[in-house]
Amino acid sequence: MFITGRTGTVLNVYTKPRCRHKGYAKAIMKTLLKDAVEMNLSFVDLKSTEAGYDLYKSVGFTDDVSKYHCMKWYNV
Protein backbone atom coordinates (compact mmCIF):
# COMPACT_ATOMS: atom_id res chain seq x y z
CA MET A 1 0.00 0.00 0.00
CA PHE A 2 2.90 2.38 0.66
CA ILE A 3 4.93 1.71 -2.46
CA THR A 4 6.78 5.02 -2.30
CA GLY A 5 6.31 5.65 1.40
CA ARG A 6 4.80 9.02 0.49
CA THR A 7 1.15 9.74 1.25
CA GLY A 8 -1.17 12.73 1.24
CA THR A 9 -4.21 13.76 3.23
CA VAL A 10 -7.00 16.15 2.28
CA LEU A 11 -8.10 17.85 5.48
CA ASN A 12 -10.81 20.29 4.39
CA VAL A 13 -12.57 21.28 1.19
CA TYR A 14 -15.22 23.96 1.43
CA THR A 15 -17.12 25.89 -1.22
CA LYS A 16 -19.30 28.85 -0.31
CA PRO A 17 -22.97 28.08 -1.01
CA ARG A 18 -23.24 30.62 -3.85
CA CYS A 19 -20.28 28.97 -5.61
CA ARG A 20 -21.41 25.36 -5.33
CA HIS A 21 -22.26 23.12 -8.30
CA LYS A 22 -20.10 25.16 -10.68
CA GLY A 23 -17.15 22.76 -10.85
CA TYR A 24 -14.74 24.71 -8.63
CA ALA A 25 -14.22 22.00 -6.01
CA LYS A 26 -13.87 19.34 -8.70
CA ALA A 27 -11.22 21.41 -10.50
CA ILE A 28 -9.32 21.89 -7.25
CA MET A 29 -9.45 18.17 -6.48
CA LYS A 30 -8.27 17.25 -9.98
CA THR A 31 -5.34 19.66 -9.60
CA LEU A 32 -4.55 18.20 -6.18
CA LEU A 33 -4.51 14.67 -7.60
CA LYS A 34 -2.36 15.74 -10.55
CA ASP A 35 0.10 17.19 -8.04
CA ALA A 36 -0.05 13.93 -6.06
CA VAL A 37 1.02 12.01 -9.17
CA GLU A 38 3.85 14.48 -9.81
CA MET A 39 4.94 14.12 -6.17
CA ASN A 40 4.85 10.31 -6.55
CA LEU A 41 2.48 9.79 -3.61
CA SER A 42 1.35 6.21 -3.00
CA PHE A 43 -2.13 7.44 -2.09
CA VAL A 44 -4.18 10.39 -0.89
CA ASP A 45 -6.77 9.86 1.82
CA LEU A 46 -9.63 11.88 3.22
CA LYS A 47 -12.71 11.61 5.36
CA SER A 48 -15.83 12.68 3.53
CA THR A 49 -19.13 14.07 4.65
CA GLU A 50 -22.26 12.98 2.82
CA ALA A 51 -22.25 16.36 1.04
CA GLY A 52 -18.80 15.77 -0.44
CA TYR A 53 -19.02 12.04 -1.10
CA ASP A 54 -20.20 12.21 -4.72
CA LEU A 55 -17.53 14.79 -5.58
CA TYR A 56 -14.72 12.61 -4.27
CA LYS A 57 -16.10 9.51 -5.99
CA SER A 58 -16.26 11.46 -9.27
CA VAL A 59 -12.53 12.22 -9.19
CA GLY A 60 -11.51 8.65 -8.36
CA PHE A 61 -11.60 8.21 -4.59
CA THR A 62 -12.94 4.85 -3.42
CA ASP A 63 -14.34 3.68 -0.12
CA ASP A 64 -11.55 2.35 2.08
CA VAL A 65 -12.45 -0.93 3.75
CA SER A 66 -10.07 -1.96 6.47
CA LYS A 67 -9.73 -4.73 9.00
CA TYR A 68 -8.56 -2.07 11.46
CA HIS A 69 -10.71 0.05 13.75
CA CYS A 70 -10.33 3.82 13.79
CA MET A 71 -9.54 4.73 17.39
CA LYS A 72 -8.62 7.88 19.31
CA TRP A 73 -7.55 8.70 22.82
CA TYR A 74 -8.52 12.05 24.28
CA ASN A 75 -6.78 13.63 27.23
CA VAL A 76 -9.84 15.03 28.99
PDB file of N, CA and C in Angstrom:
ATOM      1  N   MET A   1       0.813  -1.204   0.000  1.00  0.00           N
ATOM      2  CA  MET A   1       0.000   0.000   0.000  1.00  0.00           C
ATOM      3  C   MET A   1       0.856   1.268   0.000  1.00  0.00           C
ATOM      4  N   PHE A   2       2.029   1.211   0.565  1.00  0.00           N
ATOM      5  CA  PHE A   2       2.898   2.385   0.660  1.00  0.00           C
ATOM      6  C   PHE A   2       4.110   2.185  -0.242  1.00  0.00           C
ATOM      7  N   ILE A   3       3.865   2.033  -1.519  1.00  0.00           N
ATOM      8  CA  ILE A   3       4.927   1.709  -2.460  1.00  0.00           C
ATOM      9  C   ILE A   3       6.063   2.723  -2.380  1.00  0.00           C
ATOM     10  N   THR A   4       5.739   3.990  -2.358  1.00  0.00           N
ATOM     11  CA  THR A   4       6.782   5.024  -2.303  1.00  0.00           C
ATOM     12  C   THR A   4       7.060   5.488  -0.883  1.00  0.00           C
ATOM     13  N   GLY A   5       6.174   5.150   0.038  1.00  0.00           N
ATOM     14  CA  GLY A   5       6.309   5.646   1.404  1.00  0.00           C
ATOM     15  C   GLY A   5       5.832   7.079   1.550  1.00  0.00           C
ATOM     16  N   ARG A   6       5.274   7.631   0.484  1.00  0.00           N
ATOM     17  CA  ARG A   6       4.805   9.024   0.491  1.00  0.00           C
ATOM     18  C   ARG A   6       3.286   9.025   0.354  1.00  0.00           C
ATOM     19  N   THR A   7       2.614   9.688   1.274  1.00  0.00           N
ATOM     20  CA  THR A   7       1.153   9.735   1.246  1.00  0.00           C
ATOM     21  C   THR A   7       0.678  11.173   1.412  1.00  0.00           C
ATOM     22  N   GLY A   8      -0.572  11.415   1.071  1.00  0.00           N
ATOM     23  CA  GLY A   8      -1.168  12.732   1.235  1.00  0.00           C
ATOM     24  C   GLY A   8      -2.500  12.616   1.937  1.00  0.00           C
ATOM     25  N   THR A   9      -2.924  13.707   2.547  1.00  0.00           N
ATOM     26  CA  THR A   9      -4.210  13.758   3.234  1.00  0.00           C
ATOM     27  C   THR A   9      -4.908  15.062   2.893  1.00  0.00           C
ATOM     28  N   VAL A  10      -6.161  14.970   2.495  1.00  0.00           N
ATOM     29  CA  VAL A  10      -6.995  16.149   2.283  1.00  0.00           C
ATOM     30  C   VAL A  10      -7.715  16.393   3.596  1.00  0.00           C
ATOM     31  N   LEU A  11      -7.498  17.559   4.181  1.00  0.00           N
ATOM     32  CA  LEU A  11      -8.102  17.849   5.485  1.00  0.00           C
ATOM     33  C   LEU A  11      -9.453  18.551   5.364  1.00  0.00           C
ATOM     34  N   ASN A  12      -9.557  19.545   4.516  1.00  0.00           N
ATOM     35  CA  ASN A  12     -10.809  20.289   4.390  1.00  0.00           C
ATOM     36  C   ASN A  12     -10.983  20.810   2.972  1.00  0.00           C
ATOM     37  N   VAL A  13     -12.186  20.652   2.454  1.00  0.00           N
ATOM     38  CA  VAL A  13     -12.568  21.277   1.190  1.00  0.00           C
ATOM     39  C   VAL A  13     -13.905  21.948   1.457  1.00  0.00           C
ATOM     40  N   TYR A  14     -13.970  23.237   1.179  1.00  0.00           N
ATOM     41  CA  TYR A  14     -15.216  23.963   1.427  1.00  0.00           C
ATOM     42  C   TYR A  14     -15.464  24.916   0.272  1.00  0.00           C
ATOM     43  N   THR A  15     -16.702  24.957  -0.184  1.00  0.00           N
ATOM     44  CA  THR A  15     -17.124  25.893  -1.216  1.00  0.00           C
ATOM     45  C   THR A  15     -18.287  26.700  -0.657  1.00  0.00           C
ATOM     46  N   LYS A  16     -18.196  28.003  -0.772  1.00  0.00           N
ATOM     47  CA  LYS A  16     -19.302  28.848  -0.312  1.00  0.00           C
ATOM     48  C   LYS A  16     -20.574  28.466  -1.063  1.00  0.00           C
ATOM     49  N   PRO A  17     -21.709  28.515  -0.380  1.00  0.00           N
ATOM     50  CA  PRO A  17     -22.966  28.077  -1.007  1.00  0.00           C
ATOM     51  C   PRO A  17     -23.227  28.707  -2.383  1.00  0.00           C
ATOM     52  N   ARG A  18     -22.939  29.976  -2.557  1.00  0.00           N
ATOM     53  CA  ARG A  18     -23.239  30.624  -3.851  1.00  0.00           C
ATOM     54  C   ARG A  18     -22.320  30.135  -4.981  1.00  0.00           C
ATOM     55  N   CYS A  19     -21.241  29.453  -4.618  1.00  0.00           N
ATOM     56  CA  CYS A  19     -20.278  28.971  -5.613  1.00  0.00           C
ATOM     57  C   CYS A  19     -20.368  27.469  -5.854  1.00  0.00           C
ATOM     58  N   ARG A  20     -21.299  26.811  -5.208  1.00  0.00           N
ATOM     59  CA  ARG A  20     -21.410  25.355  -5.328  1.00  0.00           C
ATOM     60  C   ARG A  20     -22.031  24.957  -6.669  1.00  0.00           C
ATOM     61  N   HIS A  21     -21.725  23.735  -7.084  1.00  0.00           N
ATOM     62  CA  HIS A  21     -22.264  23.124  -8.304  1.00  0.00           C
ATOM     63  C   HIS A  21     -21.845  23.885  -9.559  1.00  0.00           C
ATOM     64  N   LYS A  22     -20.653  24.466  -9.517  1.00  0.00           N
ATOM     65  CA  LYS A  22     -20.104  25.157 -10.684  1.00  0.00           C
ATOM     66  C   LYS A  22     -18.778  24.544 -11.124  1.00  0.00           C
ATOM     67  N   GLY A  23     -18.354  23.474 -10.447  1.00  0.00           N
ATOM     68  CA  GLY A  23     -17.155  22.762 -10.846  1.00  0.00           C
ATOM     69  C   GLY A  23     -15.873  23.224 -10.181  1.00  0.00           C
ATOM     70  N   TYR A  24     -15.958  24.195  -9.271  1.00  0.00           N
ATOM     71  CA  TYR A  24     -14.742  24.711  -8.629  1.00  0.00           C
ATOM     72  C   TYR A  24     -14.051  23.654  -7.764  1.00  0.00           C
ATOM     73  N   ALA A  25     -14.818  23.004  -6.905  1.00  0.00           N
ATOM     74  CA  ALA A  25     -14.223  22.001  -6.007  1.00  0.00           C
ATOM     75  C   ALA A  25     -13.659  20.829  -6.809  1.00  0.00           C
ATOM     76  N   LYS A  26     -14.363  20.439  -7.868  1.00  0.00           N
ATOM     77  CA  LYS A  26     -13.871  19.339  -8.701  1.00  0.00           C
ATOM     78  C   LYS A  26     -12.559  19.723  -9.380  1.00  0.00           C
ATOM     79  N   ALA A  27     -12.462  20.947  -9.868  1.00  0.00           N
ATOM     80  CA  ALA A  27     -11.224  21.409 -10.503  1.00  0.00           C
ATOM     81  C   ALA A  27     -10.073  21.429  -9.501  1.00  0.00           C
ATOM     82  N   ILE A  28     -10.354  21.873  -8.285  1.00  0.00           N
ATOM     83  CA  ILE A  28      -9.321  21.889  -7.245  1.00  0.00           C
ATOM     84  C   ILE A  28      -8.862  20.468  -6.929  1.00  0.00           C
ATOM     85  N   MET A  29      -9.805  19.548  -6.793  1.00  0.00           N
ATOM     86  CA  MET A  29      -9.448  18.170  -6.476  1.00  0.00           C
ATOM     87  C   MET A  29      -8.655  17.519  -7.609  1.00  0.00           C
ATOM     88  N   LYS A  30      -9.025  17.802  -8.856  1.00  0.00           N
ATOM     89  CA  LYS A  30      -8.273  17.247  -9.983  1.00  0.00           C
ATOM     90  C   LYS A  30      -6.841  17.783  -9.980  1.00  0.00           C
ATOM     91  N   THR A  31      -6.676  19.074  -9.677  1.00  0.00           N
ATOM     92  CA  THR A  31      -5.338  19.655  -9.598  1.00  0.00           C
ATOM     93  C   THR A  31      -4.546  19.020  -8.463  1.00  0.00           C
ATOM     94  N   LEU A  32      -5.197  18.843  -7.316  1.00  0.00           N
ATOM     95  CA  LEU A  32      -4.545  18.204  -6.180  1.00  0.00           C
ATOM     96  C   LEU A  32      -4.060  16.803  -6.539  1.00  0.00           C
ATOM     97  N   LEU A  33      -4.893  16.036  -7.234  1.00  0.00           N
ATOM     98  CA  LEU A  33      -4.514  14.668  -7.597  1.00  0.00           C
ATOM     99  C   LEU A  33      -3.427  14.653  -8.668  1.00  0.00           C
ATOM    100  N   LYS A  34      -3.443  15.615  -9.576  1.00  0.00           N
ATOM    101  CA  LYS A  34      -2.358  15.745 -10.550  1.00  0.00           C
ATOM    102  C   LYS A  34      -1.047  16.017  -9.821  1.00  0.00           C
ATOM    103  N   ASP A  35      -1.090  16.911  -8.840  1.00  0.00           N
ATOM    104  CA  ASP A  35       0.100  17.192  -8.036  1.00  0.00           C
ATOM    105  C   ASP A  35       0.558  15.949  -7.272  1.00  0.00           C
ATOM    106  N   ALA A  36      -0.395  15.155  -6.784  1.00  0.00           N
ATOM    107  CA  ALA A  36      -0.053  13.931  -6.056  1.00  0.00           C
ATOM    108  C   ALA A  36       0.710  12.960  -6.952  1.00  0.00           C
ATOM    109  N   VAL A  37       0.310  12.873  -8.213  1.00  0.00           N
ATOM    110  CA  VAL A  37       1.019  12.014  -9.170  1.00  0.00           C
ATOM    111  C   VAL A  37       2.427  12.549  -9.386  1.00  0.00           C
ATOM    112  N   GLU A  38       2.531  13.861  -9.594  1.00  0.00           N
ATOM    113  CA  GLU A  38       3.847  14.475  -9.811  1.00  0.00           C
ATOM    114  C   GLU A  38       4.760  14.314  -8.597  1.00  0.00           C
ATOM    115  N   MET A  39       4.171  14.284  -7.400  1.00  0.00           N
ATOM    116  CA  MET A  39       4.940  14.116  -6.169  1.00  0.00           C
ATOM    117  C   MET A  39       5.200  12.646  -5.857  1.00  0.00           C
ATOM    118  N   ASN A  40       4.665  11.751  -6.696  1.00  0.00           N
ATOM    119  CA  ASN A  40       4.850  10.312  -6.553  1.00  0.00           C
ATOM    120  C   ASN A  40       4.302   9.789  -5.218  1.00  0.00           C
ATOM    121  N   LEU A  41       3.124  10.274  -4.829  1.00  0.00           N
ATOM    122  CA  LEU A  41       2.484   9.791  -3.607  1.00  0.00           C
ATOM    123  C   LEU A  41       1.881   8.416  -3.860  1.00  0.00           C
ATOM    124  N   SER A  42       1.970   7.533  -2.882  1.00  0.00           N
ATOM    125  CA  SER A  42       1.347   6.209  -3.003  1.00  0.00           C
ATOM    126  C   SER A  42      -0.171   6.320  -2.978  1.00  0.00           C
ATOM    127  N   PHE A  43      -0.688   7.208  -2.137  1.00  0.00           N
ATOM    128  CA  PHE A  43      -2.128   7.438  -2.091  1.00  0.00           C
ATOM    129  C   PHE A  43      -2.412   8.768  -1.417  1.00  0.00           C
ATOM    130  N   VAL A  44      -3.651   9.217  -1.591  1.00  0.00           N
ATOM    131  CA  VAL A  44      -4.176  10.395  -0.892  1.00  0.00           C
ATOM    132  C   VAL A  44      -5.431   9.920  -0.180  1.00  0.00           C
ATOM    133  N   ASP A  45      -5.564  10.256   1.093  1.00  0.00           N
ATOM    134  CA  ASP A  45      -6.767   9.856   1.816  1.00  0.00           C
ATOM    135  C   ASP A  45      -7.534  11.077   2.295  1.00  0.00           C
ATOM    136  N   LEU A  46      -8.780  10.836   2.654  1.00  0.00           N
ATOM    137  CA  LEU A  46      -9.627  11.881   3.217  1.00  0.00           C
ATOM    138  C   LEU A  46     -10.795  11.235   3.929  1.00  0.00           C
ATOM    139  N   LYS A  47     -11.456  12.017   4.739  1.00  0.00           N
ATOM    140  CA  LYS A  47     -12.706  11.606   5.365  1.00  0.00           C
ATOM    141  C   LYS A  47     -13.781  12.516   4.796  1.00  0.00           C
ATOM    142  N   SER A  48     -14.808  11.920   4.239  1.00  0.00           N
ATOM    143  CA  SER A  48     -15.833  12.681   3.527  1.00  0.00           C
ATOM    144  C   SER A  48     -17.133  12.779   4.316  1.00  0.00           C
ATOM    145  N   THR A  49     -17.754  13.935   4.192  1.00  0.00           N
ATOM    146  CA  THR A  49     -19.133  14.074   4.653  1.00  0.00           C
ATOM    147  C   THR A  49     -20.047  13.541   3.549  1.00  0.00           C
ATOM    148  N   GLU A  50     -21.309  13.381   3.854  1.00  0.00           N
ATOM    149  CA  GLU A  50     -22.263  12.977   2.820  1.00  0.00           C
ATOM    150  C   GLU A  50     -22.306  14.012   1.695  1.00  0.00           C
ATOM    151  N   ALA A  51     -22.181  15.290   2.037  1.00  0.00           N
ATOM    152  CA  ALA A  51     -22.253  16.359   1.038  1.00  0.00           C
ATOM    153  C   ALA A  51     -21.108  16.275   0.032  1.00  0.00           C
ATOM    154  N   GLY A  52     -19.941  15.826   0.456  1.00  0.00           N
ATOM    155  CA  GLY A  52     -18.798  15.771  -0.440  1.00  0.00           C
ATOM    156  C   GLY A  52     -18.554  14.429  -1.094  1.00  0.00           C
ATOM    157  N   TYR A  53     -19.274  13.411  -0.654  1.00  0.00           N
ATOM    158  CA  TYR A  53     -19.021  12.037  -1.095  1.00  0.00           C
ATOM    159  C   TYR A  53     -19.042  11.877  -2.619  1.00  0.00           C
ATOM    160  N   ASP A  54     -20.078  12.373  -3.265  1.00  0.00           N
ATOM    161  CA  ASP A  54     -20.198  12.205  -4.720  1.00  0.00           C
ATOM    162  C   ASP A  54     -19.067  12.918  -5.464  1.00  0.00           C
ATOM    163  N   LEU A  55     -18.646  14.077  -4.975  1.00  0.00           N
ATOM    164  CA  LEU A  55     -17.529  14.793  -5.583  1.00  0.00           C
ATOM    165  C   LEU A  55     -16.274  13.926  -5.560  1.00  0.00           C
ATOM    166  N   TYR A  56     -15.948  13.392  -4.397  1.00  0.00           N
ATOM    167  CA  TYR A  56     -14.724  12.607  -4.267  1.00  0.00           C
ATOM    168  C   TYR A  56     -14.786  11.331  -5.102  1.00  0.00           C
ATOM    169  N   LYS A  57     -15.934  10.688  -5.142  1.00  0.00           N
ATOM    170  CA  LYS A  57     -16.101   9.507  -5.992  1.00  0.00           C
ATOM    171  C   LYS A  57     -15.878   9.886  -7.457  1.00  0.00           C
ATOM    172  N   SER A  58     -16.348  11.057  -7.859  1.00  0.00           N
ATOM    173  CA  SER A  58     -16.263  11.462  -9.266  1.00  0.00           C
ATOM    174  C   SER A  58     -14.832  11.722  -9.728  1.00  0.00           C
ATOM    175  N   VAL A  59     -13.921  11.983  -8.800  1.00  0.00           N
ATOM    176  CA  VAL A  59     -12.526  12.219  -9.188  1.00  0.00           C
ATOM    177  C   VAL A  59     -11.639  11.000  -8.902  1.00  0.00           C
ATOM    178  N   GLY A  60     -12.261   9.889  -8.477  1.00  0.00           N
ATOM    179  CA  GLY A  60     -11.512   8.647  -8.364  1.00  0.00           C
ATOM    180  C   GLY A  60     -11.277   8.090  -6.975  1.00  0.00           C
ATOM    181  N   PHE A  61     -11.743   8.763  -5.941  1.00  0.00           N
ATOM    182  CA  PHE A  61     -11.602   8.206  -4.594  1.00  0.00           C
ATOM    183  C   PHE A  61     -12.544   7.015  -4.450  1.00  0.00           C
ATOM    184  N   THR A  62     -12.117   6.026  -3.684  1.00  0.00           N
ATOM    185  CA  THR A  62     -12.940   4.852  -3.424  1.00  0.00           C
ATOM    186  C   THR A  62     -13.100   4.684  -1.917  1.00  0.00           C
ATOM    187  N   ASP A  63     -14.128   3.964  -1.538  1.00  0.00           N
ATOM    188  CA  ASP A  63     -14.336   3.677  -0.118  1.00  0.00           C
ATOM    189  C   ASP A  63     -13.205   2.782   0.365  1.00  0.00           C
ATOM    190  N   ASP A  64     -12.658   3.106   1.507  1.00  0.00           N
ATOM    191  CA  ASP A  64     -11.547   2.347   2.085  1.00  0.00           C
ATOM    192  C   ASP A  64     -12.109   1.378   3.110  1.00  0.00           C
ATOM    193  N   VAL A  65     -11.991   0.109   2.826  1.00  0.00           N
ATOM    194  CA  VAL A  65     -12.452  -0.926   3.746  1.00  0.00           C
ATOM    195  C   VAL A  65     -11.209  -1.487   4.419  1.00  0.00           C
ATOM    196  N   SER A  66     -11.251  -1.537   5.730  1.00  0.00           N
ATOM    197  CA  SER A  66     -10.071  -1.958   6.474  1.00  0.00           C
ATOM    198  C   SER A  66     -10.449  -2.948   7.562  1.00  0.00           C
ATOM    199  N   LYS A  67      -9.496  -3.811   7.881  1.00  0.00           N
ATOM    200  CA  LYS A  67      -9.725  -4.730   8.999  1.00  0.00           C
ATOM    201  C   LYS A  67      -9.398  -4.058  10.325  1.00  0.00           C
ATOM    202  N   TYR A  68      -8.925  -2.815  10.267  1.00  0.00           N
ATOM    203  CA  TYR A  68      -8.560  -2.068  11.464  1.00  0.00           C
ATOM    204  C   TYR A  68      -9.704  -1.174  11.923  1.00  0.00           C
ATOM    205  N   HIS A  69      -9.722  -0.855  13.181  1.00  0.00           N
ATOM    206  CA  HIS A  69     -10.706   0.046  13.754  1.00  0.00           C
ATOM    207  C   HIS A  69     -10.076   1.429  13.917  1.00  0.00           C
ATOM    208  N   CYS A  70     -10.795   2.468  13.540  1.00  0.00           N
ATOM    209  CA  CYS A  70     -10.330   3.823  13.794  1.00  0.00           C
ATOM    210  C   CYS A  70     -10.533   4.102  15.281  1.00  0.00           C
ATOM    211  N   MET A  71      -9.476   4.510  15.948  1.00  0.00           N
ATOM    212  CA  MET A  71      -9.538   4.730  17.395  1.00  0.00           C
ATOM    213  C   MET A  71      -8.821   6.027  17.733  1.00  0.00           C
ATOM    214  N   LYS A  72      -9.260   6.663  18.811  1.00  0.00           N
ATOM    215  CA  LYS A  72      -8.622   7.876  19.312  1.00  0.00           C
ATOM    216  C   LYS A  72      -8.585   7.836  20.824  1.00  0.00           C
ATOM    217  N   TRP A  73      -7.627   8.505  21.374  1.00  0.00           N
ATOM    218  CA  TRP A  73      -7.550   8.697  22.815  1.00  0.00           C
ATOM    219  C   TRP A  73      -7.556  10.188  23.059  1.00  0.00           C
ATOM    220  N   TYR A  74      -8.422  10.639  23.942  1.00  0.00           N
ATOM    221  CA  TYR A  74      -8.524  12.049  24.276  1.00  0.00           C
ATOM    222  C   TYR A  74      -8.059  12.280  25.709  1.00  0.00           C
ATOM    223  N   ASN A  75      -7.256  13.261  25.918  1.00  0.00           N
ATOM    224  CA  ASN A  75      -6.780  13.631  27.227  1.00  0.00           C
ATOM    225  C   ASN A  75      -7.755  14.650  27.826  1.00  0.00           C
ATOM    226  N   VAL A  76      -8.820  14.139  28.420  1.00  0.00           N
ATOM    227  CA  VAL A  76      -9.841  15.029  28.988  1.00  0.00           C
ATOM    228  C   VAL A  76      -9.921  14.862  30.499  1.00  0.00           C
TER     229      VAL A  76
END
